[in-house]
Amino acid sequence: GNYDGLGTVRVEELKIASQLLGFSKCHIWNDLQDHPNQPWSPVQVATNLETYILNYLPQQQPPQNQQQEWKALHKIVFLTFDYHGVSGHINHRDTFLGVQYFLSK
């Protein structure tokens, strides 16, 4: 979200939206630059998601008697663009496709 130089504004907007939605964490990438005509590899988007999940979520399994509680505390929610993105940005569409690719693996 830094195509118009509003990246820091967009980060704050996402953090506030996450809090309003009741999320305990909000992870925002800055390694892919927003641009209406610059495509992103959906595979790269999926790889970023996988890296985040492997690095930031607890890897240990819960005790047998606490599995339901553990699952409730460790849900993952992806908020992304739809296929058309915002303002026709190609990389917004690619973000959507990357999340779809990740979830299909």
Protein backbone atom coordinates (compact mmCIF):
# COMPACT_ATOMS: atom_id res chain seq x y z
CA GLY A 1 0.00 0.00 0.00
CA ASN A 2 2.80 2.46 -0.64
CA TYR A 3 2.15 3.27 -4.30
CA ASP A 4 0.98 6.79 -3.45
CA GLY A 5 3.49 7.19 -0.61
CA LEU A 6 0.83 6.33 1.97
CA GLY A 7 2.42 3.12 3.24
CA THR A 8 2.69 4.22 6.87
CA VAL A 9 -0.92 5.42 6.78
CA ARG A 10 -2.09 2.08 5.36
CA VAL A 11 -0.14 0.15 8.04
CA GLU A 12 -1.89 2.14 10.77
CA GLU A 13 -5.26 1.64 9.09
CA LEU A 14 -4.71 -2.12 8.99
CA LYS A 15 -3.64 -2.24 12.64
CA ILE A 16 -6.74 -0.30 13.70
CA ALA A 17 -9.00 -2.50 11.55
CA SER A 18 -7.41 -5.62 13.06
CA GLN A 19 -8.07 -4.36 16.57
CA LEU A 20 -11.67 -3.48 15.72
CA LEU A 21 -12.14 -7.00 14.33
CA GLY A 22 -10.76 -8.48 17.56
CA PHE A 23 -7.53 -9.95 16.17
CA SER A 24 -4.72 -10.39 18.66
CA LYS A 25 -2.00 -10.00 16.00
CA CYS A 26 -1.63 -8.31 12.65
CA HIS A 27 1.34 -9.09 10.41
CA ILE A 28 2.05 -6.72 7.53
CA TRP A 29 4.67 -7.30 4.82
CA ASN A 30 6.68 -4.53 3.25
CA ASP A 31 8.81 -6.60 0.90
CA LEU A 32 6.48 -6.41 -2.11
CA GLN A 33 6.00 -2.90 -3.50
CA ASP A 34 2.49 -1.85 -4.45
CA HIS A 35 2.02 -0.62 -8.01
CA PRO A 36 -1.05 -0.75 -10.26
CA ASN A 37 0.85 -2.26 -13.19
CA GLN A 38 3.48 -4.40 -11.43
CA PRO A 39 2.47 -8.04 -11.05
CA TRP A 40 3.47 -10.15 -8.08
CA SER A 41 4.08 -13.84 -8.30
CA PRO A 42 1.22 -15.67 -6.58
CA VAL A 43 3.79 -18.33 -5.69
CA GLN A 44 5.88 -15.67 -3.90
CA VAL A 45 2.81 -14.46 -2.02
CA ALA A 46 2.09 -18.08 -0.97
CA THR A 47 5.73 -18.56 0.07
CA ASN A 48 5.54 -15.42 2.23
CA LEU A 49 2.42 -16.78 3.93
CA GLU A 50 4.06 -20.14 4.55
CA THR A 51 7.20 -18.50 5.95
CA TYR A 52 5.16 -16.37 8.31
CA ILE A 53 3.12 -19.30 9.55
CA LEU A 54 6.17 -21.51 10.10
CA ASN A 55 8.13 -18.76 11.86
CA TYR A 56 5.48 -17.13 14.01
CA LEU A 57 2.97 -19.76 15.06
CA PRO A 58 3.70 -22.13 17.92
CA GLN A 59 5.05 -25.40 16.57
CA GLN A 60 4.42 -27.61 19.60
CA GLN A 61 1.30 -29.72 19.76
CA PRO A 62 -1.04 -29.20 22.71
CA PRO A 63 -1.72 -31.89 25.27
CA GLN A 64 -4.54 -34.24 24.21
CA ASN A 65 -6.98 -32.80 26.73
CA GLN A 66 -6.42 -29.19 25.54
CA GLN A 67 -6.65 -29.53 21.76
CA GLN A 68 -9.96 -27.70 21.33
CA GLU A 69 -8.82 -24.75 23.44
CA TRP A 70 -5.46 -24.62 21.60
CA LYS A 71 -7.18 -24.63 18.20
CA ALA A 72 -9.50 -21.82 19.29
CA LEU A 73 -6.52 -19.68 20.32
CA HIS A 74 -4.47 -20.33 17.18
CA LYS A 75 -6.82 -19.64 14.31
CA ILE A 76 -5.50 -17.96 11.20
CA VAL A 77 -7.60 -15.46 9.30
CA PHE A 78 -6.57 -14.11 5.91
CA LEU A 79 -8.02 -10.77 4.89
CA THR A 80 -7.19 -10.06 1.28
CA PHE A 81 -8.50 -8.48 -1.88
CA ASP A 82 -11.02 -10.11 -4.15
CA TYR A 83 -9.97 -11.09 -7.68
CA HIS A 84 -10.49 -7.53 -8.94
CA GLY A 85 -8.44 -5.80 -6.23
CA VAL A 86 -8.79 -2.12 -5.45
CA SER A 87 -8.61 0.37 -8.31
CA GLY A 88 -7.65 -2.42 -10.71
CA HIS A 89 -4.17 -2.94 -9.23
CA ILE A 90 -2.69 -6.10 -10.75
CA ASN A 91 -0.79 -6.98 -7.57
CA HIS A 92 -4.00 -6.83 -5.54
CA ARG A 93 -5.36 -9.58 -7.78
CA ASP A 94 -2.06 -11.45 -7.40
CA THR A 95 -2.40 -11.26 -3.60
CA PHE A 96 -5.81 -12.91 -3.88
CA LEU A 97 -4.37 -15.58 -6.21
CA GLY A 98 -1.41 -16.15 -3.87
CA VAL A 99 -3.68 -16.78 -0.91
CA GLN A 100 -5.77 -19.15 -3.01
CA TYR A 101 -2.62 -20.98 -4.12
CA PHE A 102 -1.40 -21.24 -0.52
CA LEU A 103 -4.71 -22.65 0.68
CA SER A 104 -4.80 -25.20 -2.15
CA LYS A 105 -1.38 -26.68 -1.27
